């Protein structure tokens, strides 16, 4: 395996990581902004108010996106295994 092939596998791994984490990160961002807006409008400045809804929303998103996450990881693993079998 050459250096270019190793960099290609690493690049694909990073993109796979970004694609897999994107749904949870976006939901966390939206929930955080909505709760921050709610806190600003009601002047409730409780620091722990953000954590529980954000954790629940991210967990539900992870459960919904689990088939997509599994297919993405499976596709990446199959590409890596094919490169190992073929030898590059």
PDB file of N, CA and C in Angstrom:
ATOM      1  N   UNK A   1       0.852  -1.177   0.000  1.00  0.00           N
ATOM      2  CA  UNK A   1       0.000   0.000   0.000  1.00  0.00           C
ATOM      3  C   UNK A   1       0.896   1.237   0.000  1.00  0.00           C
ATOM      4  N   UNK A   2       0.596   2.120  -0.895  1.00  0.00           N
ATOM      5  CA  UNK A   2       1.384   3.343  -1.004  1.00  0.00           C
ATOM      6  C   UNK A   2       0.836   4.407  -0.057  1.00  0.00           C
ATOM      7  N   UNK A   3       1.583   5.486   0.037  1.00  0.00           N
ATOM      8  CA  UNK A   3       1.146   6.584   0.896  1.00  0.00           C
ATOM      9  C   UNK A   3      -0.132   7.232   0.400  1.00  0.00           C
ATOM     10  N   UNK A   4      -0.280   7.311  -0.922  1.00  0.00           N
ATOM     11  CA  UNK A   4      -1.490   7.918  -1.486  1.00  0.00           C
ATOM     12  C   UNK A   4      -2.728   7.087  -1.157  1.00  0.00           C
ATOM     13  N   UNK A   5      -2.585   5.773  -1.187  1.00  0.00           N
ATOM     14  CA  UNK A   5      -3.717   4.912  -0.859  1.00  0.00           C
ATOM     15  C   UNK A   5      -4.082   5.025   0.615  1.00  0.00           C
ATOM     16  N   UNK A   6      -3.068   5.120   1.476  1.00  0.00           N
ATOM     17  CA  UNK A   6      -3.337   5.294   2.907  1.00  0.00           C
ATOM     18  C   UNK A   6      -4.029   6.624   3.170  1.00  0.00           C
ATOM     19  N   UNK A   7      -3.602   7.672   2.472  1.00  0.00           N
ATOM     20  CA  UNK A   7      -4.259   8.973   2.618  1.00  0.00           C
ATOM     21  C   UNK A   7      -5.689   8.931   2.084  1.00  0.00           C
ATOM     22  N   UNK A   8      -5.923   8.154   1.029  1.00  0.00           N
ATOM     23  CA  UNK A   8      -7.270   8.011   0.484  1.00  0.00           C
ATOM     24  C   UNK A   8      -8.196   7.330   1.494  1.00  0.00           C
ATOM     25  N   UNK A   9      -7.706   6.279   2.144  1.00  0.00           N
ATOM     26  CA  UNK A   9      -8.505   5.594   3.167  1.00  0.00           C
ATOM     27  C   UNK A   9      -8.787   6.529   4.345  1.00  0.00           C
ATOM     28  N   UNK A  10      -7.763   7.284   4.759  1.00  0.00           N
ATOM     29  CA  UNK A  10      -7.955   8.220   5.869  1.00  0.00           C
ATOM     30  C   UNK A  10      -8.947   9.320   5.496  1.00  0.00           C
ATOM     31  N   UNK A  11      -8.856   9.812   4.277  1.00  0.00           N
ATOM     32  CA  UNK A  11      -9.784  10.853   3.819  1.00  0.00           C
ATOM     33  C   UNK A  11     -11.213  10.325   3.784  1.00  0.00           C
ATOM     34  N   UNK A  12     -11.391   9.107   3.265  1.00  0.00           N
ATOM     35  CA  UNK A  12     -12.723   8.503   3.255  1.00  0.00           C
ATOM     36  C   UNK A  12     -13.245   8.292   4.676  1.00  0.00           C
ATOM     37  N   UNK A  13     -12.362   7.938   5.593  1.00  0.00           N
ATOM     38  CA  UNK A  13     -12.762   7.757   6.984  1.00  0.00           C
ATOM     39  C   UNK A  13     -13.219   9.051   7.622  1.00  0.00           C
ATOM     40  N   UNK A  14     -12.512  10.133   7.335  1.00  0.00           N
ATOM     41  CA  UNK A  14     -12.898  11.434   7.892  1.00  0.00           C
ATOM     42  C   UNK A  14     -14.244  11.874   7.325  1.00  0.00           C
ATOM     43  N   UNK A  15     -14.444  11.701   6.010  1.00  0.00           N
ATOM     44  CA  UNK A  15     -15.725  12.075   5.416  1.00  0.00           C
ATOM     45  C   UNK A  15     -16.865  11.207   5.952  1.00  0.00           C
ATOM     46  N   UNK A  16     -16.580   9.918   6.176  1.00  0.00           N
ATOM     47  CA  UNK A  16     -17.593   9.041   6.762  1.00  0.00           C
ATOM     48  C   UNK A  16     -17.961   9.519   8.160  1.00  0.00           C
ATOM     49  N   UNK A  17     -16.963   9.904   8.937  1.00  0.00           N
ATOM     50  CA  UNK A  17     -17.206  10.428  10.283  1.00  0.00           C
ATOM     51  C   UNK A  17     -18.057  11.688  10.242  1.00  0.00           C
ATOM     52  N   UNK A  18     -17.755  12.586   9.330  1.00  0.00           N
ATOM     53  CA  UNK A  18     -18.526  13.834   9.214  1.00  0.00           C
ATOM     54  C   UNK A  18     -19.968  13.542   8.810  1.00  0.00           C
ATOM     55  N   UNK A  19     -20.152  12.660   7.825  1.00  0.00           N
ATOM     56  CA  UNK A  19     -21.505  12.333   7.370  1.00  0.00           C
ATOM     57  C   UNK A  19     -22.306  11.646   8.468  1.00  0.00           C
ATOM     58  N   UNK A  20     -21.652  10.793   9.251  1.00  0.00           N
ATOM     59  CA  UNK A  20     -22.368  10.078  10.308  1.00  0.00           C
ATOM     60  C   UNK A  20     -22.735  10.987  11.479  1.00  0.00           C
ATOM     61  N   UNK A  21     -21.890  11.954  11.779  1.00  0.00           N
ATOM     62  CA  UNK A  21     -22.166  12.802  12.938  1.00  0.00           C
ATOM     63  C   UNK A  21     -23.068  13.986  12.598  1.00  0.00           C
ATOM     64  N   UNK A  22     -23.251  14.268  11.320  1.00  0.00           N
ATOM     65  CA  UNK A  22     -24.015  15.442  10.910  1.00  0.00           C
ATOM     66  C   UNK A  22     -25.456  15.471  11.419  1.00  0.00           C
ATOM     67  N   UNK A  23     -26.241  14.381  11.338  1.00  0.00           N
ATOM     68  CA  UNK A  23     -27.629  14.481  11.829  1.00  0.00           C
ATOM     69  C   UNK A  23     -27.716  14.819  13.318  1.00  0.00           C
ATOM     70  N   UNK A  24     -26.884  14.172  14.135  1.00  0.00           N
ATOM     71  CA  UNK A  24     -26.939  14.447  15.573  1.00  0.00           C
ATOM     72  C   UNK A  24     -26.467  15.865  15.902  1.00  0.00           C
ATOM     73  N   UNK A  25     -25.444  16.313  15.189  1.00  0.00           N
ATOM     74  CA  UNK A  25     -24.940  17.664  15.440  1.00  0.00           C
ATOM     75  C   UNK A  25     -25.960  18.732  15.047  1.00  0.00           C
ATOM     76  N   UNK A  26     -26.639  18.527  13.924  1.00  0.00           N
ATOM     77  CA  UNK A  26     -27.644  19.505  13.499  1.00  0.00           C
ATOM     78  C   UNK A  26     -28.820  19.557  14.468  1.00  0.00           C
ATOM     79  N   UNK A  27     -29.268  18.397  14.930  1.00  0.00           N
ATOM     80  CA  UNK A  27     -30.372  18.377  15.892  1.00  0.00           C
ATOM     81  C   UNK A  27     -29.944  19.044  17.201  1.00  0.00           C
ATOM     82  N   UNK A  28     -28.740  18.756  17.658  1.00  0.00           N
ATOM     83  CA  UNK A  28     -28.233  19.399  18.870  1.00  0.00           C
ATOM     84  C   UNK A  28     -28.150  20.911  18.714  1.00  0.00           C
ATOM     85  N   UNK A  29     -27.732  21.362  17.529  1.00  0.00           N
ATOM     86  CA  UNK A  29     -27.645  22.795  17.262  1.00  0.00           C
ATOM     87  C   UNK A  29     -29.018  23.445  17.280  1.00  0.00           C
ATOM     88  N   UNK A  30     -29.987  22.817  16.596  1.00  0.00           N
ATOM     89  CA  UNK A  30     -31.336  23.392  16.533  1.00  0.00           C
ATOM     90  C   UNK A  30     -31.982  23.422  17.915  1.00  0.00           C
ATOM     91  N   UNK A  31     -31.873  22.330  18.658  1.00  0.00           N
ATOM     92  CA  UNK A  31     -32.464  22.288  20.000  1.00  0.00           C
ATOM     93  C   UNK A  31     -31.788  23.318  20.903  1.00  0.00           C
ATOM     94  N   UNK A  32     -30.471  23.450  20.797  1.00  0.00           N
ATOM     95  CA  UNK A  32     -29.758  24.443  21.604  1.00  0.00           C
ATOM     96  C   UNK A  32     -30.188  25.867  21.301  1.00  0.00           C
ATOM     97  N   UNK A  33     -30.372  26.179  20.022  1.00  0.00           N
ATOM     98  CA  UNK A  33     -30.807  27.530  19.636  1.00  0.00           C
ATOM     99  C   UNK A  33     -32.229  27.795  20.106  1.00  0.00           C
ATOM    100  N   UNK A  34     -33.121  26.797  19.968  1.00  0.00           N
ATOM    101  CA  UNK A  34     -34.513  26.979  20.401  1.00  0.00           C
ATOM    102  C   UNK A  34     -34.566  27.203  21.912  1.00  0.00           C
ATOM    103  N   UNK A  35     -33.805  26.427  22.660  1.00  0.00           N
ATOM    104  CA  UNK A  35     -33.821  26.588  24.116  1.00  0.00           C
ATOM    105  C   UNK A  35     -33.171  27.910  24.519  1.00  0.00           C
ATOM    106  N   UNK A  36     -32.114  28.322  23.823  1.00  0.00           N
ATOM    107  CA  UNK A  36     -31.491  29.618  24.120  1.00  0.00           C
ATOM    108  C   UNK A  36     -32.457  30.759  23.829  1.00  0.00           C
ATOM    109  N   UNK A  37     -33.214  30.635  22.748  1.00  0.00           N
ATOM    110  CA  UNK A  37     -34.225  31.646  22.435  1.00  0.00           C
ATOM    111  C   UNK A  37     -35.307  31.675  23.508  1.00  0.00           C
ATOM    112  N   UNK A  38     -35.747  30.491  23.946  1.00  0.00           N
ATOM    113  CA  UNK A  38     -36.734  30.401  25.023  1.00  0.00           C
ATOM    114  C   UNK A  38     -36.203  31.045  26.305  1.00  0.00           C
ATOM    115  N   UNK A  39     -34.939  30.780  26.627  1.00  0.00           N
ATOM    116  CA  UNK A  39     -34.348  31.367  27.838  1.00  0.00           C
ATOM    117  C   UNK A  39     -34.235  32.880  27.711  1.00  0.00           C
ATOM    118  N   UNK A  40     -33.906  33.351  26.524  1.00  0.00           N
ATOM    119  CA  UNK A  40     -33.783  34.799  26.338  1.00  0.00           C
ATOM    120  C   UNK A  40     -35.143  35.485  26.420  1.00  0.00           C
ATOM    121  N   UNK A  41     -36.178  34.837  25.891  1.00  0.00           N
ATOM    122  CA  UNK A  41     -37.508  35.453  25.906  1.00  0.00           C
ATOM    123  C   UNK A  41     -38.138  35.435  27.292  1.00  0.00           C
ATOM    124  N   UNK A  42     -37.875  34.391  28.066  1.00  0.00           N
ATOM    125  CA  UNK A  42     -38.493  34.285  29.386  1.00  0.00           C
ATOM    126  C   UNK A  42     -37.558  34.739  30.511  1.00  0.00           C
ATOM    127  N   UNK A  43     -36.338  35.048  30.187  1.00  0.00           N
ATOM    128  CA  UNK A  43     -35.315  35.467  31.147  1.00  0.00           C
ATOM    129  C   UNK A  43     -35.063  34.403  32.214  1.00  0.00           C
ATOM    130  N   UNK A  44     -35.241  33.143  31.845  1.00  0.00           N
ATOM    131  CA  UNK A  44     -34.864  32.037  32.720  1.00  0.00           C
ATOM    132  C   UNK A  44     -33.423  31.691  32.383  1.00  0.00           C
ATOM    133  N   UNK A  45     -32.516  31.909  33.301  1.00  0.00           N
ATOM    134  CA  UNK A  45     -31.099  31.681  33.038  1.00  0.00           C
ATOM    135  C   UNK A  45     -30.597  30.456  33.795  1.00  0.00           C
ATOM    136  N   UNK A  46     -31.285  29.357  33.648  1.00  0.00           N
ATOM    137  CA  UNK A  46     -30.875  28.100  34.274  1.00  0.00           C
ATOM    138  C   UNK A  46     -29.860  27.423  33.363  1.00  0.00           C
ATOM    139  N   UNK A  47     -28.676  27.136  33.875  1.00  0.00           N
ATOM    140  CA  UNK A  47     -27.600  26.572  33.062  1.00  0.00           C
ATOM    141  C   UNK A  47     -27.873  25.126  32.647  1.00  0.00           C
ATOM    142  N   UNK A  48     -28.577  24.370  33.478  1.00  0.00           N
ATOM    143  CA  UNK A  48     -28.791  22.953  33.191  1.00  0.00           C
ATOM    144  C   UNK A  48     -30.022  22.701  32.335  1.00  0.00           C
ATOM    145  N   UNK A  49     -30.782  23.727  31.995  1.00  0.00           N
ATOM    146  CA  UNK A  49     -32.004  23.562  31.216  1.00  0.00           C
ATOM    147  C   UNK A  49     -31.724  23.044  29.805  1.00  0.00           C
ATOM    148  N   UNK A  50     -30.547  23.319  29.282  1.00  0.00           N
ATOM    149  CA  UNK A  50     -30.222  22.951  27.905  1.00  0.00           C
ATOM    150  C   UNK A  50     -29.900  21.466  27.784  1.00  0.00           C
ATOM    151  N   UNK A  51     -29.299  20.869  28.788  1.00  0.00           N
ATOM    152  CA  UNK A  51     -28.709  19.540  28.647  1.00  0.00           C
ATOM    153  C   UNK A  51     -29.732  18.425  28.439  1.00  0.00           C
ATOM    154  N   UNK A  52     -30.768  18.355  29.234  1.00  0.00           N
ATOM    155  CA  UNK A  52     -31.702  17.237  29.158  1.00  0.00           C
ATOM    156  C   UNK A  52     -32.451  17.205  27.824  1.00  0.00           C
ATOM    157  N   UNK A  53     -33.045  18.301  27.361  1.00  0.00           N
ATOM    158  CA  UNK A  53     -33.719  18.234  26.050  1.00  0.00           C
ATOM    159  C   UNK A  53     -32.750  17.925  24.908  1.00  0.00           C
ATOM    160  N   UNK A  54     -31.535  18.457  24.996  1.00  0.00           N
ATOM    161  CA  UNK A  54     -30.558  18.212  23.944  1.00  0.00           C
ATOM    162  C   UNK A  54     -30.147  16.740  23.908  1.00  0.00           C
ATOM    163  N   UNK A  55     -29.920  16.151  25.076  1.00  0.00           N
ATOM    164  CA  UNK A  55     -29.549  14.735  25.145  1.00  0.00           C
ATOM    165  C   UNK A  55     -30.683  13.858  24.624  1.00  0.00           C
ATOM    166  N   UNK A  56     -31.910  14.160  25.013  1.00  0.00           N
ATOM    167  CA  UNK A  56     -33.061  13.373  24.555  1.00  0.00           C
ATOM    168  C   UNK A  56     -33.228  13.500  23.041  1.00  0.00           C
ATOM    169  N   UNK A  57     -33.106  14.720  22.515  1.00  0.00           N
ATOM    170  CA  UNK A  57     -33.264  14.932  21.070  1.00  0.00           C
ATOM    171  C   UNK A  57     -32.171  14.210  20.283  1.00  0.00           C
ATOM    172  N   UNK A  58     -30.942  14.267  20.763  1.00  0.00           N
ATOM    173  CA  UNK A  58     -29.843  13.595  20.068  1.00  0.00           C
ATOM    174  C   UNK A  58     -30.028  12.080  20.134  1.00  0.00           C
ATOM    175  N   UNK A  59     -30.479  11.559  21.261  1.00  0.00           N
ATOM    176  CA  UNK A  59     -30.707  10.118  21.388  1.00  0.00           C
ATOM    177  C   UNK A  59     -31.805   9.648  20.443  1.00  0.00           C
ATOM    178  N   UNK A  60     -32.892  10.395  20.357  1.00  0.00           N
ATOM    179  CA  UNK A  60     -33.990  10.032  19.449  1.00  0.00           C
ATOM    180  C   UNK A  60     -33.514  10.102  17.996  1.00  0.00           C
ATOM    181  N   UNK A  61     -32.733  11.123  17.668  1.00  0.00           N
ATOM    182  CA  UNK A  61     -32.183  11.234  16.319  1.00  0.00           C
ATOM    183  C   UNK A  61     -31.266  10.064  15.999  1.00  0.00           C
ATOM    184  N   UNK A  62     -30.476   9.641  16.978  1.00  0.00           N
ATOM    185  CA  UNK A  62     -29.585   8.510  16.765  1.00  0.00           C
ATOM    186  C   UNK A  62     -30.387   7.232  16.519  1.00  0.00           C
ATOM    187  N   UNK A  63     -31.471   7.046  17.260  1.00  0.00           N
ATOM    188  CA  UNK A  63     -32.309   5.866  17.040  1.00  0.00           C
ATOM    189  C   UNK A  63     -32.958   5.886  15.660  1.00  0.00           C
ATOM    190  N   UNK A  64     -33.397   7.055  15.223  1.00  0.00           N
ATOM    191  CA  UNK A  64     -34.030   7.166  13.909  1.00  0.00           C
ATOM    192  C   UNK A  64     -33.004   6.967  12.796  1.00  0.00           C
ATOM    193  N   UNK A  65     -31.797   7.508  12.983  1.00  0.00           N
ATOM    194  CA  UNK A  65     -30.765   7.456  11.943  1.00  0.00           C
ATOM    195  C   UNK A  65     -29.915   6.193  12.000  1.00  0.00           C
ATOM    196  N   UNK A  66     -30.220   5.275  12.900  1.00  0.00           N
ATOM    197  CA  UNK A  66     -29.389   4.083  13.064  1.00  0.00           C
ATOM    198  C   UNK A  66     -29.256   3.251  11.790  1.00  0.00           C
ATOM    199  N   UNK A  67     -30.310   3.017  11.006  1.00  0.00           N
ATOM    200  CA  UNK A  67     -30.107   2.279   9.754  1.00  0.00           C
ATOM    201  C   UNK A  67     -29.159   3.000   8.787  1.00  0.00           C
ATOM    202  N   UNK A  68     -29.297   4.313   8.683  1.00  0.00           N
ATOM    203  CA  UNK A  68     -28.401   5.097   7.832  1.00  0.00           C
ATOM    204  C   UNK A  68     -26.962   5.013   8.326  1.00  0.00           C
ATOM    205  N   UNK A  69     -26.776   5.109   9.642  1.00  0.00           N
ATOM    206  CA  UNK A  69     -25.429   5.047  10.208  1.00  0.00           C
ATOM    207  C   UNK A  69     -24.800   3.677   9.957  1.00  0.00           C
ATOM    208  N   UNK A  70     -25.588   2.625  10.124  1.00  0.00           N
ATOM    209  CA  UNK A  70     -25.080   1.279   9.877  1.00  0.00           C
ATOM    210  C   UNK A  70     -24.717   1.064   8.419  1.00  0.00           C
ATOM    211  N   UNK A  71     -25.547   1.554   7.500  1.00  0.00           N
ATOM    212  CA  UNK A  71     -25.261   1.406   6.073  1.00  0.00           C
ATOM    213  C   UNK A  71     -24.020   2.197   5.676  1.00  0.00           C
ATOM    214  N   UNK A  72     -23.849   3.376   6.250  1.00  0.00           N
ATOM    215  CA  UNK A  72     -22.675   4.189   5.950  1.00  0.00           C
ATOM    216  C   UNK A  72     -21.406   3.511   6.437  1.00  0.00           C
ATOM    217  N   UNK A  73     -21.436   3.005   7.669  1.00  0.00           N
ATOM    218  CA  UNK A  73     -20.259   2.307   8.198  1.00  0.00           C
ATOM    219  C   UNK A  73     -19.984   1.021   7.427  1.00  0.00           C
ATOM    220  N   UNK A  74     -21.029   0.313   7.040  1.00  0.00           N
ATOM    221  CA  UNK A  74     -20.860  -0.916   6.274  1.00  0.00           C
ATOM    222  C   UNK A  74     -20.232  -0.624   4.916  1.00  0.00           C
ATOM    223  N   UNK A  75     -20.680   0.426   4.267  1.00  0.00           N
ATOM    224  CA  UNK A  75     -20.111   0.810   2.976  1.00  0.00           C
ATOM    225  C   UNK A  75     -18.644   1.171   3.089  1.00  0.00           C
ATOM    226  N   UNK A  76     -18.298   1.924   4.116  1.00  0.00           N
ATOM    227  CA  UNK A  76     -16.896   2.296   4.318  1.00  0.00           C
ATOM    228  C   UNK A  76     -16.053   1.059   4.606  1.00  0.00           C
ATOM    229  N   UNK A  77     -16.555   0.174   5.444  1.00  0.00           N
ATOM    230  CA  UNK A  77     -15.802  -1.033   5.785  1.00  0.00           C
ATOM    231  C   UNK A  77     -15.616  -1.926   4.566  1.00  0.00           C
ATOM    232  N   UNK A  78     -16.642  -2.017   3.720  1.00  0.00           N
ATOM    233  CA  UNK A  78     -16.514  -2.829   2.508  1.00  0.00           C
ATOM    234  C   UNK A  78     -15.459  -2.239   1.562  1.00  0.00           C
ATOM    235  N   UNK A  79     -15.392  -0.909   1.455  1.00  0.00           N
ATOM    236  CA  UNK A  79     -14.353  -0.289   0.623  1.00  0.00           C
ATOM    237  C   UNK A  79     -12.977  -0.574   1.163  1.00  0.00           C
ATOM    238  N   UNK A  80     -12.812  -0.500   2.492  1.00  0.00           N
ATOM    239  CA  UNK A  80     -11.515  -0.767   3.097  1.00  0.00           C
ATOM    240  C   UNK A  80     -11.131  -2.235   2.914  1.00  0.00           C
ATOM    241  N   UNK A  81     -12.062  -3.146   3.124  1.00  0.00           N
ATOM    242  CA  UNK A  81     -11.774  -4.565   2.965  1.00  0.00           C
ATOM    243  C   UNK A  81     -11.442  -4.878   1.506  1.00  0.00           C
ATOM    244  N   UNK A  82     -12.165  -4.283   0.573  1.00  0.00           N
ATOM    245  CA  UNK A  82     -11.851  -4.501  -0.842  1.00  0.00           C
ATOM    246  C   UNK A  82     -10.446  -4.018  -1.174  1.00  0.00           C
ATOM    247  N   UNK A  83     -10.059  -2.878  -0.622  1.00  0.00           N
ATOM    248  CA  UNK A  83      -8.704  -2.383  -0.866  1.00  0.00           C
ATOM    249  C   UNK A  83      -7.662  -3.303  -0.252  1.00  0.00           C
ATOM    250  N   UNK A  84      -7.970  -3.898   0.897  1.00  0.00           N
ATOM    251  CA  UNK A  84      -7.034  -4.831   1.526  1.00  0.00           C
ATOM    252  C   UNK A  84      -6.909  -6.093   0.694  1.00  0.00           C
ATOM    253  N   UNK A  85      -8.044  -6.609   0.215  1.00  0.00           N
ATOM    254  CA  UNK A  85      -8.039  -7.854  -0.557  1.00  0.00           C
ATOM    255  C   UNK A  85      -7.314  -7.664  -1.889  1.00  0.00           C
ATOM    256  N   UNK A  86      -7.656  -6.586  -2.571  1.00  0.00           N
ATOM    257  CA  UNK A  86      -7.055  -6.325  -3.882  1.00  0.00           C
ATOM    258  C   UNK A  86      -5.592  -5.934  -3.730  1.00  0.00           C
ATOM    259  N   UNK A  87      -5.270  -5.311  -2.632  1.00  0.00           N
ATOM    260  CA  UNK A  87      -3.887  -4.888  -2.414  1.00  0.00           C
ATOM    261  C   UNK A  87      -3.650  -3.466  -2.873  1.00  0.00           C
ATOM    262  N   UNK A  88      -4.707  -2.698  -2.901  1.00  0.00           N
ATOM    263  CA  UNK A  88      -4.528  -1.311  -3.283  1.00  0.00           C
ATOM    264  C   UNK A  88      -5.585  -0.930  -4.193  1.00  0.00           C
TER     265      UNK A  88
END
